[in-house]
Amino acid sequence: MKYLLLVMALLLNLYAIDWPSDYNKALLEAKKEKKDVYLFLGSEYCRYCEKFKKEVLSQDEVIEKLKKSYVLIYLSRDIDDIPSHLETKPVPRHYFLTKEGKVIYTTIGGRSTEGFYELLDEVKEAKEF
């Protein structure tokens, strides 16, 4: 029985995002590194959030690409304090923020890896305006 519980716990944490969850610290880090912020907003009970984490955010290539331009932060609407200017429904929700916390671009839904790369291109275009 202990073995089964241990395996279940490991599987539940297999696709957990080990990203900071302190919004203010992320903004400070973004200012220091002269980067924008990618905030992934999810829920502990959202199967689409888990699928996106498992299929896209677990890929080293995706994370490396994100880290070149963004400070990464994950907030759960079930656990974390969400800044009042950010919507929490529906999830998964993707926020691209300036280092001051201003929303550059936001969208909802899970994506494939290719779709997420397309999203990053959309954000880049939005920043140019």
Protein backbone atom coordinates (compact mmCIF):
# COMPACT_ATOMS: atom_id res chain seq x y z
CA MET A 1 0.00 0.00 0.00
CA LYS A 2 2.83 2.41 0.85
CA TYR A 3 4.43 1.64 -2.51
CA LEU A 4 1.21 2.47 -4.35
CA LEU A 5 0.85 5.78 -2.52
CA LEU A 6 4.46 6.68 -3.27
CA VAL A 7 4.01 5.91 -6.97
CA MET A 8 0.81 7.97 -7.10
CA ALA A 9 2.51 10.92 -5.41
CA LEU A 10 5.43 10.76 -7.85
CA LEU A 11 3.11 10.62 -10.84
CA LEU A 12 1.10 13.60 -9.62
CA ASN A 13 4.28 15.64 -9.28
CA LEU A 14 5.84 14.43 -12.51
CA TYR A 15 4.44 17.32 -14.51
CA ALA A 16 4.32 19.91 -11.76
CA ILE A 17 5.90 23.17 -12.76
CA ASP A 18 8.72 24.08 -10.44
CA TRP A 19 8.51 27.78 -11.23
CA PRO A 20 8.40 30.67 -8.80
CA SER A 21 4.95 31.68 -7.62
CA ASP A 22 5.79 35.08 -6.17
CA TYR A 23 4.49 37.73 -8.57
CA ASN A 24 6.37 40.65 -7.05
CA LYS A 25 9.68 38.78 -7.01
CA ALA A 26 9.16 37.84 -10.66
CA LEU A 27 8.72 41.51 -11.56
CA LEU A 28 11.88 42.43 -9.66
CA GLU A 29 13.81 39.69 -11.42
CA ALA A 30 12.43 40.83 -14.80
CA LYS A 31 13.61 44.38 -14.12
CA LYS A 32 17.03 43.12 -13.07
CA GLU A 33 17.38 40.87 -16.12
CA LYS A 34 15.71 43.36 -18.50
CA LYS A 35 13.15 40.76 -19.58
CA ASP A 36 9.40 40.50 -19.83
CA VAL A 37 7.35 38.01 -17.79
CA TYR A 38 5.52 34.88 -18.94
CA LEU A 39 2.88 34.02 -16.36
CA PHE A 40 1.10 30.71 -16.75
CA LEU A 41 -2.11 30.76 -14.75
CA GLY A 42 -3.66 27.41 -14.02
CA SER A 43 -5.69 25.44 -11.55
CA GLU A 44 -4.97 22.33 -9.54
CA TYR A 45 -8.19 20.82 -10.91
CA CYS A 46 -7.80 21.71 -14.58
CA ARG A 47 -7.10 18.76 -16.86
CA TYR A 48 -6.22 21.10 -19.74
CA CYS A 49 -3.62 22.84 -17.56
CA GLU A 50 -2.07 19.50 -16.69
CA LYS A 51 -2.09 18.41 -20.32
CA PHE A 52 -0.35 21.64 -21.39
CA LYS A 53 2.27 21.25 -18.67
CA LYS A 54 2.84 17.61 -19.60
CA GLU A 55 2.96 18.03 -23.37
CA VAL A 56 4.52 21.48 -23.79
CA LEU A 57 6.05 22.95 -20.66
CA SER A 58 7.90 19.74 -19.83
CA GLN A 59 10.05 20.13 -22.95
CA ASP A 60 13.52 21.55 -22.33
CA GLU A 61 13.55 23.23 -25.75
CA VAL A 62 10.36 25.16 -24.94
CA ILE A 63 11.66 26.27 -21.54
CA GLU A 64 15.02 27.35 -22.97
CA LYS A 65 13.25 29.43 -25.62
CA LEU A 66 11.02 31.05 -22.99
CA LYS A 67 13.90 31.82 -20.64
CA LYS A 68 15.74 33.77 -23.34
CA SER A 69 13.12 36.53 -23.25
CA TYR A 70 11.01 35.97 -20.15
CA VAL A 71 11.07 35.45 -16.43
CA LEU A 72 8.77 32.47 -15.83
CA ILE A 73 6.10 32.33 -13.17
CA TYR A 74 3.28 29.89 -12.46
CA LEU A 75 0.27 30.87 -10.41
CA SER A 76 -2.56 28.57 -9.41
CA ARG A 77 -5.88 30.31 -8.96
CA ASP A 78 -6.61 27.73 -6.26
CA ILE A 79 -3.53 28.42 -4.15
CA ASP A 80 -1.81 31.70 -4.99
CA ASP A 81 -2.74 35.33 -4.59
CA ILE A 82 -3.52 36.60 -8.07
CA PRO A 83 -3.00 40.31 -8.76
CA SER A 84 -6.36 42.04 -9.12
CA HIS A 85 -5.71 43.25 -12.67
CA LEU A 86 -5.42 39.67 -13.95
CA GLU A 87 -8.43 37.53 -14.81
CA THR A 88 -8.49 34.06 -13.31
CA LYS A 89 -11.14 32.37 -15.44
CA PRO A 90 -11.00 30.45 -17.64
CA VAL A 91 -7.75 28.52 -17.39
CA PRO A 92 -5.25 27.67 -18.70
CA ARG A 93 -4.42 31.31 -19.23
CA HIS A 94 -1.22 32.78 -20.58
CA TYR A 95 -0.09 36.28 -19.64
CA PHE A 96 2.83 38.06 -21.22
CA LEU A 97 3.70 41.06 -19.07
CA THR A 98 6.19 43.89 -19.09
CA LYS A 99 8.68 44.05 -16.24
CA GLU A 100 6.31 46.58 -14.66
CA GLY A 101 3.40 44.10 -14.77
CA LYS A 102 1.49 45.67 -17.67
CA VAL A 103 -0.25 43.10 -19.85
CA ILE A 104 1.35 42.88 -23.31
CA TYR A 105 -0.73 39.94 -24.49
CA THR A 106 -3.05 37.37 -22.99
CA THR A 107 -4.84 34.33 -24.29
CA ILE A 108 -6.49 31.21 -22.96
CA GLY A 109 -6.33 27.51 -23.69
CA GLY A 110 -3.88 24.72 -24.04
CA ARG A 111 -1.75 24.38 -27.14
CA SER A 112 0.50 21.94 -28.89
CA THR A 113 4.19 22.76 -28.96
CA GLU A 114 3.85 24.15 -32.48
CA GLY A 115 0.83 26.18 -31.43
CA PHE A 116 2.73 27.57 -28.46
CA TYR A 117 5.59 28.65 -30.70
CA GLU A 118 3.02 30.40 -32.91
CA LEU A 119 1.70 32.12 -29.79
CA LEU A 120 5.20 33.36 -28.98
CA ASP A 121 5.40 34.81 -32.50
CA GLU A 122 2.04 36.57 -31.97
CA VAL A 123 3.32 38.07 -28.73
CA LYS A 124 6.49 39.27 -30.45
CA GLU A 125 4.38 41.01 -33.10
CA ALA A 126 2.14 42.57 -30.44
CA LYS A 127 5.20 43.98 -28.65
CA GLU A 128 6.36 45.67 -31.85
CA PHE A 129 3.23 47.84 -32.03
